[in-house]
PDB file of N, CA and C in Angstrom:
ATOM      1  N   MET A   1      50.667 180.990  66.257  1.00  0.00           N
ATOM      2  CA  MET A   1      49.644 180.576  66.326  1.00  0.00           C
ATOM      3  C   MET A   1      49.150 180.108  67.607  1.00  0.00           C
ATOM      4  N   GLY A   2      47.871 179.776  67.335  1.00  0.00           N
ATOM      5  CA  GLY A   2      47.068 179.018  68.412  1.00  0.00           C
ATOM      6  C   GLY A   2      47.622 178.188  69.483  1.00  0.00           C
ATOM      7  N   LEU A   3      46.969 177.700  70.463  1.00  0.00           N
ATOM      8  CA  LEU A   3      47.493 176.824  71.706  1.00  0.00           C
ATOM      9  C   LEU A   3      45.943 175.431  70.746  1.00  0.00           C
ATOM     10  N   THR A   4      46.952 174.425  71.101  1.00  0.00           N
ATOM     11  CA  THR A   4      45.747 172.933  70.613  1.00  0.00           C
ATOM     12  C   THR A   4      44.909 173.157  71.541  1.00  0.00           C
ATOM     13  N   ILE A   5      43.811 172.162  71.482  1.00  0.00           N
ATOM     14  CA  ILE A   5      43.286 172.106  73.045  1.00  0.00           C
ATOM     15  C   ILE A   5      44.140 171.197  74.137  1.00  0.00           C
ATOM     16  N   ALA A   6      44.919 170.107  73.983  1.00  0.00           N
ATOM     17  CA  ALA A   6      45.873 169.301  75.090  1.00  0.00           C
ATOM     18  C   ALA A   6      46.790 170.933  75.553  1.00  0.00           C
ATOM     19  N   GLN A   7      46.888 171.908  74.967  1.00  0.00           N
ATOM     20  CA  GLN A   7      47.960 172.703  75.569  1.00  0.00           C
ATOM     21  C   GLN A   7      47.695 174.107  76.439  1.00  0.00           C
ATOM     22  N   LYS A   8      45.736 173.844  75.860  1.00  0.00           N
ATOM     23  CA  LYS A   8      45.206 174.692  76.924  1.00  0.00           C
ATOM     24  C   LYS A   8      44.797 173.917  78.096  1.00  0.00           C
ATOM     25  N   ILE A   9      43.947 172.771  77.915  1.00  0.00           N
ATOM     26  CA  ILE A   9      44.396 172.618  79.205  1.00  0.00           C
ATOM     27  C   ILE A   9      45.322 171.574  80.058  1.00  0.00           C
ATOM     28  N   ILE A  10      46.617 172.076  79.595  1.00  0.00           N
ATOM     29  CA  ILE A  10      47.569 171.782  80.346  1.00  0.00           C
ATOM     30  C   ILE A  10      47.811 173.305  80.856  1.00  0.00           C
ATOM     31  N   LYS A  11      47.552 174.449  80.252  1.00  0.00           N
ATOM     32  CA  LYS A  11      47.957 175.468  80.235  1.00  0.00           C
ATOM     33  C   LYS A  11      47.086 176.158  81.594  1.00  0.00           C
ATOM     34  N   GLU A  12      45.616 175.659  81.820  1.00  0.00           N
ATOM     35  CA  GLU A  12      44.482 176.467  82.680  1.00  0.00           C
ATOM     36  C   GLU A  12      44.923 174.895  83.902  1.00  0.00           C
ATOM     37  N   HIS A  13      45.246 174.000  84.108  1.00  0.00           N
ATOM     38  CA  HIS A  13      45.976 173.219  85.396  1.00  0.00           C
ATOM     39  C   HIS A  13      47.351 173.011  86.075  1.00  0.00           C
ATOM     40  N   MET A  14      48.091 173.849  85.162  1.00  0.00           N
ATOM     41  CA  MET A  14      49.931 173.940  85.197  1.00  0.00           C
ATOM     42  C   MET A  14      49.827 174.868  86.575  1.00  0.00           C
ATOM     43  N   LEU A  15      50.814 174.130  87.756  1.00  0.00           N
ATOM     44  CA  LEU A  15      50.449 173.985  88.981  1.00  0.00           C
ATOM     45  C   LEU A  15      52.256 174.339  88.617  1.00  0.00           C
ATOM     46  N   SER A  16      52.466 173.745  88.819  1.00  0.00           N
ATOM     47  CA  SER A  16      54.839 174.737  88.493  1.00  0.00           C
ATOM     48  C   SER A  16      55.565 174.090  87.465  1.00  0.00           C
ATOM     49  N   GLY A  17      56.415 174.675  86.965  1.00  0.00           N
ATOM     50  CA  GLY A  17      56.740 174.160  85.263  1.00  0.00           C
ATOM     51  C   GLY A  17      56.698 175.305  84.204  1.00  0.00           C
ATOM     52  N   SER A  18      57.130 175.006  83.158  1.00  0.00           N
ATOM     53  CA  SER A  18      57.060 175.912  82.109  1.00  0.00           C
ATOM     54  C   SER A  18      56.327 174.761  80.793  1.00  0.00           C
ATOM     55  N   MET A  19      55.880 175.470  79.919  1.00  0.00           N
ATOM     56  CA  MET A  19      55.318 174.806  78.728  1.00  0.00           C
ATOM     57  C   MET A  19      56.061 174.716  77.735  1.00  0.00           C
ATOM     58  N   GLU A  20      57.511 174.371  78.119  1.00  0.00           N
ATOM     59  CA  GLU A  20      58.605 174.102  76.791  1.00  0.00           C
ATOM     60  C   GLU A  20      58.798 172.370  77.179  1.00  0.00           C
ATOM     61  N   VAL A  21      59.399 172.426  75.374  1.00  0.00           N
ATOM     62  CA  VAL A  21      59.816 170.468  75.263  1.00  0.00           C
ATOM     63  C   VAL A  21      61.118 170.538  76.226  1.00  0.00           C
ATOM     64  N   GLY A  22      60.515 168.927  76.869  1.00  0.00           N
ATOM     65  CA  GLY A  22      61.454 169.332  78.021  1.00  0.00           C
ATOM     66  C   GLY A  22      61.517 169.333  78.825  1.00  0.00           C
ATOM     67  N   CYS A  23      61.173 169.948  79.214  1.00  0.00           N
ATOM     68  CA  CYS A  23      60.572 170.721  80.111  1.00  0.00           C
ATOM     69  C   CYS A  23      59.587 170.255  81.659  1.00  0.00           C
ATOM     70  N   GLU A  24      59.900 169.543  82.597  1.00  0.00           N
ATOM     71  CA  GLU A  24      59.091 169.559  83.791  1.00  0.00           C
ATOM     72  C   GLU A  24      57.774 170.382  84.117  1.00  0.00           C
ATOM     73  N   ILE A  25      56.297 169.779  84.578  1.00  0.00           N
ATOM     74  CA  ILE A  25      55.652 170.402  84.773  1.00  0.00           C
ATOM     75  C   ILE A  25      54.821 169.901  86.151  1.00  0.00           C
ATOM     76  N   GLY A  26      54.315 170.487  86.719  1.00  0.00           N
ATOM     77  CA  GLY A  26      53.241 169.775  87.767  1.00  0.00           C
ATOM     78  C   GLY A  26      51.659 170.534  87.087  1.00  0.00           C
ATOM     79  N   LEU A  27      50.672 169.228  87.282  1.00  0.00           N
ATOM     80  CA  LEU A  27      49.679 169.782  86.805  1.00  0.00           C
ATOM     81  C   LEU A  27      47.932 169.549  87.868  1.00  0.00           C
ATOM     82  N   LYS A  28      47.431 170.475  88.097  1.00  0.00           N
ATOM     83  CA  LYS A  28      46.322 169.754  89.054  1.00  0.00           C
ATOM     84  C   LYS A  28      45.107 169.477  88.740  1.00  0.00           C
ATOM     85  N   ILE A  29      44.967 168.027  89.166  1.00  0.00           N
ATOM     86  CA  ILE A  29      44.270 166.821  88.414  1.00  0.00           C
ATOM     87  C   ILE A  29      42.718 167.046  89.031  1.00  0.00           C
ATOM     88  N   ASP A  30      41.827 167.735  88.197  1.00  0.00           N
ATOM     89  CA  ASP A  30      40.103 168.070  88.797  1.00  0.00           C
ATOM     90  C   ASP A  30      39.496 167.004  88.231  1.00  0.00           C
ATOM     91  N   GLN A  31      39.412 165.654  87.393  1.00  0.00           N
ATOM     92  CA  GLN A  31      38.601 164.979  87.119  1.00  0.00           C
ATOM     93  C   GLN A  31      39.276 163.262  86.631  1.00  0.00           C
ATOM     94  N   THR A  32      38.642 162.557  87.056  1.00  0.00           N
ATOM     95  CA  THR A  32      39.441 160.899  87.177  1.00  0.00           C
ATOM     96  C   THR A  32      38.621 160.008  86.505  1.00  0.00           C
ATOM     97  N   LEU A  33      38.747 159.216  86.256  1.00  0.00           N
ATOM     98  CA  LEU A  33      37.921 158.209  85.219  1.00  0.00           C
ATOM     99  C   LEU A  33      38.637 156.716  84.642  1.00  0.00           C
ATOM    100  N   THR A  34      37.740 156.039  85.657  1.00  0.00           N
ATOM    101  CA  THR A  34      38.897 154.199  86.390  1.00  0.00           C
ATOM    102  C   THR A  34      37.269 153.580  85.303  1.00  0.00           C
ATOM    103  N   GLN A  35      37.995 152.221  85.224  1.00  0.00           N
ATOM    104  CA  GLN A  35      37.255 151.055  84.495  1.00  0.00           C
ATOM    105  C   GLN A  35      37.765 150.379  85.508  1.00  0.00           C
ATOM    106  N   ASP A  36      36.789 149.023  86.260  1.00  0.00           N
ATOM    107  CA  ASP A  36      36.857 147.968  86.319  1.00  0.00           C
ATOM    108  C   ASP A  36      37.995 146.756  86.174  1.00  0.00           C
ATOM    109  N   ALA A  37      38.091 147.237  85.334  1.00  0.00           N
ATOM    110  CA  ALA A  37      39.777 146.011  85.019  1.00  0.00           C
ATOM    111  C   ALA A  37      40.784 145.960  85.953  1.00  0.00           C
ATOM    112  N   THR A  38      40.995 147.798  85.952  1.00  0.00           N
ATOM    113  CA  THR A  38      42.290 148.420  86.954  1.00  0.00           C
ATOM    114  C   THR A  38      41.896 149.463  87.932  1.00  0.00           C
ATOM    115  N   GLY A  39      40.675 149.527  87.567  1.00  0.00           N
ATOM    116  CA  GLY A  39      40.466 150.959  88.583  1.00  0.00           C
ATOM    117  C   GLY A  39      40.182 150.210  90.082  1.00  0.00           C
ATOM    118  N   THR A  40      39.819 149.002  90.125  1.00  0.00           N
ATOM    119  CA  THR A  40      40.341 148.719  91.429  1.00  0.00           C
ATOM    120  C   THR A  40      41.714 148.070  92.008  1.00  0.00           C
ATOM    121  N   MET A  41      42.222 148.131  91.107  1.00  0.00           N
ATOM    122  CA  MET A  41      43.849 147.544  91.714  1.00  0.00           C
ATOM    123  C   MET A  41      44.490 149.491  92.065  1.00  0.00           C
ATOM    124  N   ALA A  42      43.590 150.362  91.255  1.00  0.00           N
ATOM    125  CA  ALA A  42      44.413 151.782  91.532  1.00  0.00           C
ATOM    126  C   ALA A  42      43.458 151.767  92.674  1.00  0.00           C
ATOM    127  N   TYR A  43      42.678 151.461  93.124  1.00  0.00           N
ATOM    128  CA  TYR A  43      42.249 152.056  94.737  1.00  0.00           C
ATOM    129  C   TYR A  43      42.842 151.419  95.684  1.00  0.00           C
ATOM    130  N   LEU A  44      43.262 150.036  95.467  1.00  0.00           N
ATOM    131  CA  LEU A  44      44.333 149.544  96.690  1.00  0.00           C
ATOM    132  C   LEU A  44      45.412 149.751  96.614  1.00  0.00           C
ATOM    133  N   GLU A  45      46.252 150.734  95.300  1.00  0.00           N
ATOM    134  CA  GLU A  45      47.612 150.696  95.643  1.00  0.00           C
ATOM    135  C   GLU A  45      47.304 152.660  96.409  1.00  0.00           C
ATOM    136  N   PHE A  46      46.229 153.203  96.878  1.00  0.00           N
ATOM    137  CA  PHE A  46      45.804 154.622  96.980  1.00  0.00           C
ATOM    138  C   PHE A  46      46.205 154.222  99.050  1.00  0.00           C
ATOM    139  N   GLU A  47      45.441 152.508  98.899  1.00  0.00           N
ATOM    140  CA  GLU A  47      44.508 152.804 100.313  1.00  0.00           C
ATOM    141  C   GLU A  47      46.532 152.658 101.139  1.00  0.00           C
ATOM    142  N   ALA A  48      46.846 151.390 100.170  1.00  0.00           N
ATOM    143  CA  ALA A  48      48.193 150.813 100.796  1.00  0.00           C
ATOM    144  C   ALA A  48      49.105 152.144 100.887  1.00  0.00           C
ATOM    145  N   MET A  49      49.160 153.503 100.223  1.00  0.00           N
ATOM    146  CA  MET A  49      49.878 154.555 100.769  1.00  0.00           C
ATOM    147  C   MET A  49      49.472 155.349 101.621  1.00  0.00           C
ATOM    148  N   GLY A  50      48.556 155.144 102.576  1.00  0.00           N
ATOM    149  CA  GLY A  50      47.563 155.974 103.116  1.00  0.00           C
ATOM    150  C   GLY A  50      46.464 157.185 103.211  1.00  0.00           C
ATOM    151  N   ILE A  51      46.653 157.013 101.103  1.00  0.00           N
ATOM    152  CA  ILE A  51      45.628 158.438 101.138  1.00  0.00           C
ATOM    153  C   ILE A  51      44.136 158.284 101.347  1.00  0.00           C
ATOM    154  N   PRO A  52      43.660 158.856 102.999  1.00  0.00           N
ATOM    155  CA  PRO A  52      42.246 158.730 102.707  1.00  0.00           C
ATOM    156  C   PRO A  52      41.468 158.558 101.942  1.00  0.00           C
ATOM    157  N   ARG A  53      40.961 159.678 101.121  1.00  0.00           N
ATOM    158  CA  ARG A  53      39.985 160.247  99.839  1.00  0.00           C
ATOM    159  C   ARG A  53      40.962 160.616  98.694  1.00  0.00           C
ATOM    160  N   VAL A  54      40.088 160.537  97.627  1.00  0.00           N
ATOM    161  CA  VAL A  54      40.883 161.613  96.604  1.00  0.00           C
ATOM    162  C   VAL A  54      40.808 162.788  96.881  1.00  0.00           C
ATOM    163  N   LYS A  55      41.394 164.192  96.273  1.00  0.00           N
ATOM    164  CA  LYS A  55      40.967 165.278  95.756  1.00  0.00           C
ATOM    165  C   LYS A  55      40.969 166.067  94.695  1.00  0.00           C
ATOM    166  N   THR A  56      39.825 165.326  93.821  1.00  0.00           N
ATOM    167  CA  THR A  56      39.486 166.094  92.830  1.00  0.00           C
ATOM    168  C   THR A  56      38.320 166.291  92.771  1.00  0.00           C
ATOM    169  N   GLU A  57      37.803 167.511  91.964  1.00  0.00           N
ATOM    170  CA  GLU A  57      35.987 168.146  91.735  1.00  0.00           C
ATOM    171  C   GLU A  57      35.083 166.739  91.533  1.00  0.00           C
ATOM    172  N   LEU A  58      36.191 165.932  90.702  1.00  0.00           N
ATOM    173  CA  LEU A  58      35.098 164.344  90.016  1.00  0.00           C
ATOM    174  C   LEU A  58      36.112 163.497  89.662  1.00  0.00           C
ATOM    175  N   SER A  59      35.118 161.926  90.396  1.00  0.00           N
ATOM    176  CA  SER A  59      35.628 161.212  89.869  1.00  0.00           C
ATOM    177  C   SER A  59      34.897 159.898  89.820  1.00  0.00           C
ATOM    178  N   VAL A  60      35.025 159.501  88.580  1.00  0.00           N
ATOM    179  CA  VAL A  60      33.607 158.408  87.894  1.00  0.00           C
ATOM    180  C   VAL A  60      34.729 157.000  87.975  1.00  0.00           C
ATOM    181  N   ALA A  61      33.574 156.155  88.441  1.00  0.00           N
ATOM    182  CA  ALA A  61      34.028 154.405  88.173  1.00  0.00           C
ATOM    183  C   ALA A  61      33.065 153.719  87.252  1.00  0.00           C
ATOM    184  N   TYR A  62      33.759 152.989  86.017  1.00  0.00           N
ATOM    185  CA  TYR A  62      32.043 152.963  85.276  1.00  0.00           C
ATOM    186  C   TYR A  62      32.769 151.256  85.193  1.00  0.00           C
ATOM    187  N   ILE A  63      32.202 150.279  85.495  1.00  0.00           N
ATOM    188  CA  ILE A  63      31.397 148.684  84.995  1.00  0.00           C
ATOM    189  C   ILE A  63      31.448 148.423  83.577  1.00  0.00           C
ATOM    190  N   ASP A  64      32.163 148.025  82.954  1.00  0.00           N
ATOM    191  CA  ASP A  64      31.359 147.379  81.527  1.00  0.00           C
ATOM    192  C   ASP A  64      32.105 145.854  81.629  1.00  0.00           C
ATOM    193  N   HIS A  65      33.167 145.545  82.133  1.00  0.00           N
ATOM    194  CA  HIS A  65      34.124 144.260  81.538  1.00  0.00           C
ATOM    195  C   HIS A  65      32.823 143.249  82.729  1.00  0.00           C
ATOM    196  N   ASN A  66      33.067 143.809  83.468  1.00  0.00           N
ATOM    197  CA  ASN A  66      32.402 142.275  84.890  1.00  0.00           C
ATOM    198  C   ASN A  66      31.054 142.748  85.154  1.00  0.00           C
ATOM    199  N   THR A  67      30.108 142.353  84.013  1.00  0.00           N
ATOM    200  CA  THR A  67      28.687 142.663  84.247  1.00  0.00           C
ATOM    201  C   THR A  67      27.768 140.850  84.077  1.00  0.00           C
ATOM    202  N   LEU A  68      26.721 140.631  84.146  1.00  0.00           N
ATOM    203  CA  LEU A  68      26.069 139.860  83.635  1.00  0.00           C
ATOM    204  C   LEU A  68      25.176 139.852  82.570  1.00  0.00           C
ATOM    205  N   GLN A  69      25.502 139.024  81.697  1.00  0.00           N
ATOM    206  CA  GLN A  69      24.975 139.610  80.473  1.00  0.00           C
ATOM    207  C   GLN A  69      24.363 138.363  80.066  1.00  0.00           C
ATOM    208  N   SER A  70      22.373 138.265  80.059  1.00  0.00           N
ATOM    209  CA  SER A  70      21.889 137.540  79.460  1.00  0.00           C
ATOM    210  C   SER A  70      20.856 138.089  78.247  1.00  0.00           C
ATOM    211  N   GLY A  71      20.289 136.713  78.109  1.00  0.00           N
ATOM    212  CA  GLY A  71      19.409 137.134  76.690  1.00  0.00           C
ATOM    213  C   GLY A  71      19.175 136.475  76.031  1.00  0.00           C
TER     214      GLY A  71
END
């Protein structure tokens, strides 16, 4: 039987562990997506932990809640 799309992504990004139910795994995170309601808190937590920059290939933050609505 073939792998699901989630299993394929996990397999490609696995750093440690094994793909068995109940086993702990380590994954390489190559992309992140944050939004305006919770992203700022995540950035503040990274700053508090002393993390100077992200180490992903692509990080995106989008604003859709805190925008001016007129019309």
